[in-house]
Amino acid sequence: MKVDSSPDSYIGSVAGGPQKAAERPTAGAEAAAAAAKPQPAAGVTVTLSASTTQALSGAGSASSDVFNSEKVEAMKAAIADGSFKVNAEAIADKMLSNAAEMLSSSRG
C-alpha cells in the first residue's frame, strides 16, 4: 500500500501542510485580510450584580476580615527584623480542613 505524501494530499491541506508557492498568501494579502475582519465594538456596557459591587467596594463585614492592614504591617516588620515565626502546625491544620471541605463539596 502506497501512502501519498504529496503536498496536495487531503491530510496536508487540512492540517495546514505545505503549500505551493503560487498558493501562499503574500504579505500584502495577509494585511488586507486582517483589515477586512470586523473590529469589535467599543464601549461595551458591563453591569455588575449587587454582591459583586459590594465585594469590590469592601463594604461587607466579611471583606474587613479578609484584609487587616495593621496585621500585614506587623508581619512585614517581623519579617524585616527576623522575628517572624511560621506556625507549621496551624498551616497544616488549615490545609487539611480546606482539602476536606473541597472533597465534601465535590461529592455533593
N, C-alpha and C. Protein backbone atom coordinates (compact mmCIF):
# COMPACT_ATOMS: atom_id res chain seq x y z
N MET A 1 0.84 -1.18 0.00
CA MET A 1 0.00 0.00 0.00
C MET A 1 0.88 1.24 0.00
N LYS A 2 0.61 2.17 -0.88
CA LYS A 2 1.41 3.37 -1.00
C LYS A 2 0.71 4.53 -0.29
N VAL A 3 1.47 5.27 0.48
CA VAL A 3 0.94 6.44 1.19
C VAL A 3 1.31 7.67 0.39
N ASP A 4 0.29 8.48 0.08
CA ASP A 4 0.50 9.69 -0.69
C ASP A 4 1.08 10.77 0.22
N SER A 5 2.27 11.23 -0.08
CA SER A 5 2.90 12.25 0.75
C SER A 5 3.06 13.57 0.00
N SER A 6 2.29 13.73 -1.06
CA SER A 6 2.40 14.97 -1.82
C SER A 6 1.77 16.12 -1.05
N PRO A 7 2.18 17.35 -1.29
CA PRO A 7 1.61 18.50 -0.57
C PRO A 7 0.15 18.74 -0.91
N ASP A 8 -0.34 18.13 -1.98
CA ASP A 8 -1.73 18.31 -2.36
C ASP A 8 -2.64 17.29 -1.70
N SER A 9 -2.10 16.42 -0.84
CA SER A 9 -2.93 15.39 -0.22
C SER A 9 -3.95 16.02 0.72
N TYR A 10 -4.99 15.30 1.00
CA TYR A 10 -6.07 15.80 1.85
C TYR A 10 -5.57 16.15 3.24
N ILE A 11 -4.79 15.26 3.85
CA ILE A 11 -4.31 15.49 5.21
C ILE A 11 -3.41 16.72 5.25
N GLY A 12 -2.54 16.86 4.27
CA GLY A 12 -1.66 18.02 4.25
C GLY A 12 -2.42 19.32 4.16
N SER A 13 -3.50 19.32 3.38
CA SER A 13 -4.26 20.56 3.24
C SER A 13 -5.10 20.86 4.47
N VAL A 14 -5.61 19.82 5.14
CA VAL A 14 -6.42 20.03 6.34
C VAL A 14 -5.55 20.47 7.51
N ALA A 15 -4.41 19.86 7.64
CA ALA A 15 -3.53 20.16 8.78
C ALA A 15 -2.66 21.37 8.53
N GLY A 16 -2.92 22.13 7.49
CA GLY A 16 -2.12 23.31 7.21
C GLY A 16 -0.76 22.93 6.68
N GLY A 17 -0.73 21.84 5.90
CA GLY A 17 0.51 21.32 5.36
C GLY A 17 1.14 22.28 4.37
N PRO A 18 2.19 21.82 3.70
CA PRO A 18 2.91 22.69 2.78
C PRO A 18 2.02 23.17 1.64
N GLN A 19 2.26 24.39 1.20
CA GLN A 19 1.52 24.97 0.08
C GLN A 19 2.47 25.25 -1.05
N LYS A 20 1.95 25.20 -2.25
CA LYS A 20 2.76 25.56 -3.40
C LYS A 20 3.00 27.07 -3.35
N ALA A 21 4.07 27.50 -3.96
CA ALA A 21 4.43 28.92 -3.93
C ALA A 21 3.32 29.79 -4.47
N ALA A 22 2.60 29.33 -5.48
CA ALA A 22 1.52 30.12 -6.06
C ALA A 22 0.32 30.23 -5.13
N GLU A 23 0.19 29.27 -4.18
CA GLU A 23 -0.96 29.27 -3.25
C GLU A 23 -0.68 30.04 -1.98
N ARG A 24 0.59 30.36 -1.69
CA ARG A 24 0.94 31.06 -0.46
C ARG A 24 0.47 32.50 -0.53
N PRO A 25 -0.18 32.98 0.54
CA PRO A 25 -0.59 34.39 0.53
C PRO A 25 0.62 35.29 0.66
N THR A 26 0.55 36.43 0.04
CA THR A 26 1.63 37.40 0.15
C THR A 26 1.42 38.24 1.40
N ALA A 27 2.43 38.97 1.80
CA ALA A 27 2.33 39.80 3.00
C ALA A 27 1.23 40.85 2.84
N GLY A 28 1.09 41.41 1.65
CA GLY A 28 0.05 42.41 1.41
C GLY A 28 -1.34 41.80 1.49
N ALA A 29 -1.49 40.56 1.03
CA ALA A 29 -2.78 39.89 1.09
C ALA A 29 -3.17 39.59 2.54
N GLU A 30 -2.17 39.22 3.35
CA GLU A 30 -2.46 38.95 4.76
C GLU A 30 -2.89 40.23 5.46
N ALA A 31 -2.25 41.34 5.18
CA ALA A 31 -2.61 42.61 5.80
C ALA A 31 -4.00 43.05 5.37
N ALA A 32 -4.33 42.84 4.09
CA ALA A 32 -5.65 43.21 3.60
C ALA A 32 -6.73 42.34 4.24
N ALA A 33 -6.43 41.04 4.44
CA ALA A 33 -7.39 40.15 5.07
C ALA A 33 -7.61 40.54 6.52
N ALA A 34 -6.54 40.94 7.21
CA ALA A 34 -6.66 41.35 8.61
C ALA A 34 -7.47 42.64 8.72
N ALA A 35 -7.28 43.55 7.77
CA ALA A 35 -8.01 44.81 7.81
C ALA A 35 -9.48 44.61 7.48
N ALA A 36 -9.80 43.57 6.71
CA ALA A 36 -11.18 43.32 6.31
C ALA A 36 -12.00 42.68 7.43
N LYS A 37 -11.34 42.13 8.45
CA LYS A 37 -12.06 41.50 9.57
C LYS A 37 -12.81 42.57 10.35
N PRO A 38 -14.03 42.25 10.78
CA PRO A 38 -14.78 43.24 11.56
C PRO A 38 -14.12 43.47 12.91
N GLN A 39 -14.02 44.71 13.31
CA GLN A 39 -13.42 45.08 14.58
C GLN A 39 -14.49 45.03 15.68
N PRO A 40 -14.12 44.62 16.91
CA PRO A 40 -15.10 44.59 17.98
C PRO A 40 -15.59 46.00 18.31
N ALA A 41 -16.84 46.07 18.72
CA ALA A 41 -17.44 47.37 19.04
C ALA A 41 -16.83 47.91 20.33
N ALA A 42 -16.55 49.18 20.34
CA ALA A 42 -16.00 49.83 21.53
C ALA A 42 -17.15 50.28 22.42
N GLY A 43 -16.89 50.44 23.69
CA GLY A 43 -17.89 50.96 24.61
C GLY A 43 -18.92 49.93 25.03
N VAL A 44 -18.50 48.70 25.29
CA VAL A 44 -19.41 47.67 25.74
C VAL A 44 -19.81 47.96 27.18
N THR A 45 -21.09 47.88 27.49
CA THR A 45 -21.60 48.15 28.82
C THR A 45 -21.59 46.87 29.65
N VAL A 46 -21.03 46.95 30.84
CA VAL A 46 -20.98 45.81 31.76
C VAL A 46 -21.77 46.19 33.00
N THR A 47 -22.65 45.29 33.44
CA THR A 47 -23.45 45.52 34.64
C THR A 47 -23.02 44.52 35.71
N LEU A 48 -22.68 45.02 36.90
CA LEU A 48 -22.26 44.16 38.00
C LEU A 48 -23.44 43.91 38.94
N SER A 49 -23.47 42.70 39.49
CA SER A 49 -24.52 42.39 40.46
C SER A 49 -24.25 43.14 41.76
N ALA A 50 -25.26 43.18 42.62
CA ALA A 50 -25.11 43.88 43.90
C ALA A 50 -24.04 43.24 44.76
N SER A 51 -23.97 41.90 44.76
CA SER A 51 -22.96 41.23 45.58
C SER A 51 -21.55 41.50 45.06
N THR A 52 -21.40 41.59 43.76
CA THR A 52 -20.09 41.89 43.18
C THR A 52 -19.68 43.32 43.51
N THR A 53 -20.62 44.24 43.40
CA THR A 53 -20.34 45.63 43.73
C THR A 53 -19.95 45.77 45.19
N GLN A 54 -20.65 45.06 46.06
CA GLN A 54 -20.35 45.10 47.49
C GLN A 54 -18.97 44.52 47.76
N ALA A 55 -18.64 43.41 47.09
CA ALA A 55 -17.33 42.79 47.31
C ALA A 55 -16.21 43.70 46.82
N LEU A 56 -16.42 44.38 45.71
CA LEU A 56 -15.39 45.27 45.18
C LEU A 56 -15.21 46.51 46.03
N SER A 57 -16.29 46.99 46.61
CA SER A 57 -16.20 48.21 47.42
C SER A 57 -15.69 47.95 48.82
N GLY A 58 -15.73 46.69 49.25
CA GLY A 58 -15.26 46.36 50.60
C GLY A 58 -16.23 46.77 51.67
N ALA A 59 -17.52 46.92 51.33
CA ALA A 59 -18.50 47.37 52.31
C ALA A 59 -18.99 46.26 53.21
N GLY A 60 -18.74 45.01 52.85
CA GLY A 60 -19.24 43.89 53.65
C GLY A 60 -18.39 43.62 54.86
N SER A 61 -18.96 42.99 55.88
CA SER A 61 -18.20 42.67 57.09
C SER A 61 -17.17 41.58 56.81
N ALA A 62 -17.46 40.68 55.86
CA ALA A 62 -16.52 39.62 55.53
C ALA A 62 -15.26 40.19 54.87
N SER A 63 -15.41 41.25 54.10
CA SER A 63 -14.25 41.80 53.42
C SER A 63 -13.27 42.43 54.41
N SER A 64 -13.75 42.96 55.53
CA SER A 64 -12.83 43.53 56.51
C SER A 64 -12.04 42.44 57.22
N ASP A 65 -12.59 41.22 57.29
CA ASP A 65 -11.88 40.10 57.89
C ASP A 65 -10.80 39.57 56.96
N VAL A 66 -10.95 39.78 55.68
CA VAL A 66 -10.02 39.24 54.70
C VAL A 66 -8.71 40.02 54.72
N PHE A 67 -8.75 41.32 54.84
CA PHE A 67 -7.55 42.13 54.80
C PHE A 67 -7.48 43.04 56.01
N ASN A 68 -6.47 42.84 56.82
CA ASN A 68 -6.24 43.66 58.00
C ASN A 68 -4.89 44.34 57.81
N SER A 69 -4.92 45.61 57.45
CA SER A 69 -3.68 46.32 57.12
C SER A 69 -2.72 46.40 58.30
N GLU A 70 -3.25 46.50 59.52
CA GLU A 70 -2.36 46.56 60.69
C GLU A 70 -1.61 45.25 60.86
N LYS A 71 -2.31 44.12 60.64
CA LYS A 71 -1.67 42.82 60.77
C LYS A 71 -0.62 42.63 59.67
N VAL A 72 -0.92 43.10 58.48
CA VAL A 72 0.04 43.00 57.38
C VAL A 72 1.29 43.79 57.70
N GLU A 73 1.14 45.01 58.20
CA GLU A 73 2.30 45.83 58.54
C GLU A 73 3.11 45.19 59.67
N ALA A 74 2.43 44.59 60.66
CA ALA A 74 3.15 43.92 61.75
C ALA A 74 3.94 42.73 61.22
N MET A 75 3.35 41.99 60.28
CA MET A 75 4.05 40.84 59.70
C MET A 75 5.24 41.30 58.87
N LYS A 76 5.08 42.39 58.11
CA LYS A 76 6.19 42.93 57.33
C LYS A 76 7.35 43.32 58.24
N ALA A 77 7.03 43.97 59.35
CA ALA A 77 8.07 44.40 60.28
C ALA A 77 8.77 43.20 60.91
N ALA A 78 7.99 42.17 61.27
CA ALA A 78 8.57 40.97 61.88
C ALA A 78 9.47 40.24 60.89
N ILE A 79 9.06 40.18 59.64
CA ILE A 79 9.90 39.55 58.62
C ILE A 79 11.17 40.35 58.42
N ALA A 80 11.04 41.68 58.37
CA ALA A 80 12.20 42.55 58.15
C ALA A 80 13.23 42.42 59.27
N ASP A 81 12.77 42.32 60.53
CA ASP A 81 13.74 42.24 61.62
C ASP A 81 14.09 40.80 62.01
N GLY A 82 13.53 39.82 61.29
CA GLY A 82 13.91 38.42 61.51
C GLY A 82 13.20 37.75 62.66
N SER A 83 12.17 38.35 63.22
CA SER A 83 11.48 37.74 64.36
C SER A 83 10.20 36.99 63.95
N PHE A 84 9.89 36.94 62.67
CA PHE A 84 8.68 36.25 62.22
C PHE A 84 8.87 34.74 62.33
N LYS A 85 7.94 34.06 62.98
CA LYS A 85 7.99 32.61 63.14
C LYS A 85 6.79 32.00 62.43
N VAL A 86 7.04 30.95 61.64
CA VAL A 86 5.99 30.25 60.92
C VAL A 86 5.44 29.15 61.82
N ASN A 87 4.11 29.10 61.96
CA ASN A 87 3.47 28.06 62.74
C ASN A 87 3.05 26.95 61.78
N ALA A 88 3.94 25.97 61.59
CA ALA A 88 3.72 24.90 60.62
C ALA A 88 2.48 24.07 60.97
N GLU A 89 2.23 23.87 62.26
CA GLU A 89 1.06 23.08 62.68
C GLU A 89 -0.24 23.77 62.28
N ALA A 90 -0.32 25.08 62.46
CA ALA A 90 -1.53 25.82 62.09
C ALA A 90 -1.73 25.78 60.57
N ILE A 91 -0.64 25.90 59.81
CA ILE A 91 -0.73 25.84 58.36
C ILE A 91 -1.21 24.46 57.92
N ALA A 92 -0.66 23.41 58.50
CA ALA A 92 -1.06 22.04 58.15
C ALA A 92 -2.53 21.80 58.49
N ASP A 93 -2.96 22.27 59.65
CA ASP A 93 -4.37 22.10 60.04
C ASP A 93 -5.30 22.80 59.05
N LYS A 94 -4.94 24.00 58.64
CA LYS A 94 -5.77 24.76 57.70
C LYS A 94 -5.79 24.08 56.33
N MET A 95 -4.65 23.57 55.89
CA MET A 95 -4.60 22.88 54.60
C MET A 95 -5.47 21.62 54.63
N LEU A 96 -5.43 20.88 55.72
CA LEU A 96 -6.25 19.67 55.84
C LEU A 96 -7.73 20.00 55.87
N SER A 97 -8.10 21.07 56.59
CA SER A 97 -9.52 21.44 56.63
C SER A 97 -10.00 21.94 55.28
N ASN A 98 -9.16 22.67 54.56
CA ASN A 98 -9.53 23.12 53.21
C ASN A 98 -9.68 21.95 52.26
N ALA A 99 -8.78 20.96 52.36
CA ALA A 99 -8.86 19.79 51.49
C ALA A 99 -10.13 19.00 51.80
N ALA A 100 -10.46 18.84 53.08
CA ALA A 100 -11.67 18.12 53.45
C ALA A 100 -12.91 18.86 52.95
N GLU A 101 -12.90 20.18 53.03
CA GLU A 101 -14.03 20.98 52.55
C GLU A 101 -14.19 20.85 51.03
N MET A 102 -13.07 20.87 50.31
CA MET A 102 -13.13 20.74 48.86
C MET A 102 -13.64 19.36 48.45
N LEU A 103 -13.19 18.32 49.16
CA LEU A 103 -13.64 16.96 48.85
C LEU A 103 -15.13 16.79 49.14
N SER A 104 -15.60 17.35 50.23
CA SER A 104 -17.02 17.20 50.57
C SER A 104 -17.90 17.98 49.61
N SER A 105 -17.43 19.14 49.14
CA SER A 105 -18.25 19.93 48.20
C SER A 105 -18.26 19.31 46.80
N SER A 106 -17.18 18.60 46.43
CA SER A 106 -17.15 17.98 45.09
C SER A 106 -18.01 16.73 45.04
N ARG A 107 -18.30 16.11 46.17
CA ARG A 107 -19.13 14.90 46.20
C ARG A 107 -20.61 15.25 46.18
N GLY A 108 -20.94 16.40 46.65
CA GLY A 108 -22.35 16.77 46.82
C GLY A 108 -22.85 17.54 45.73
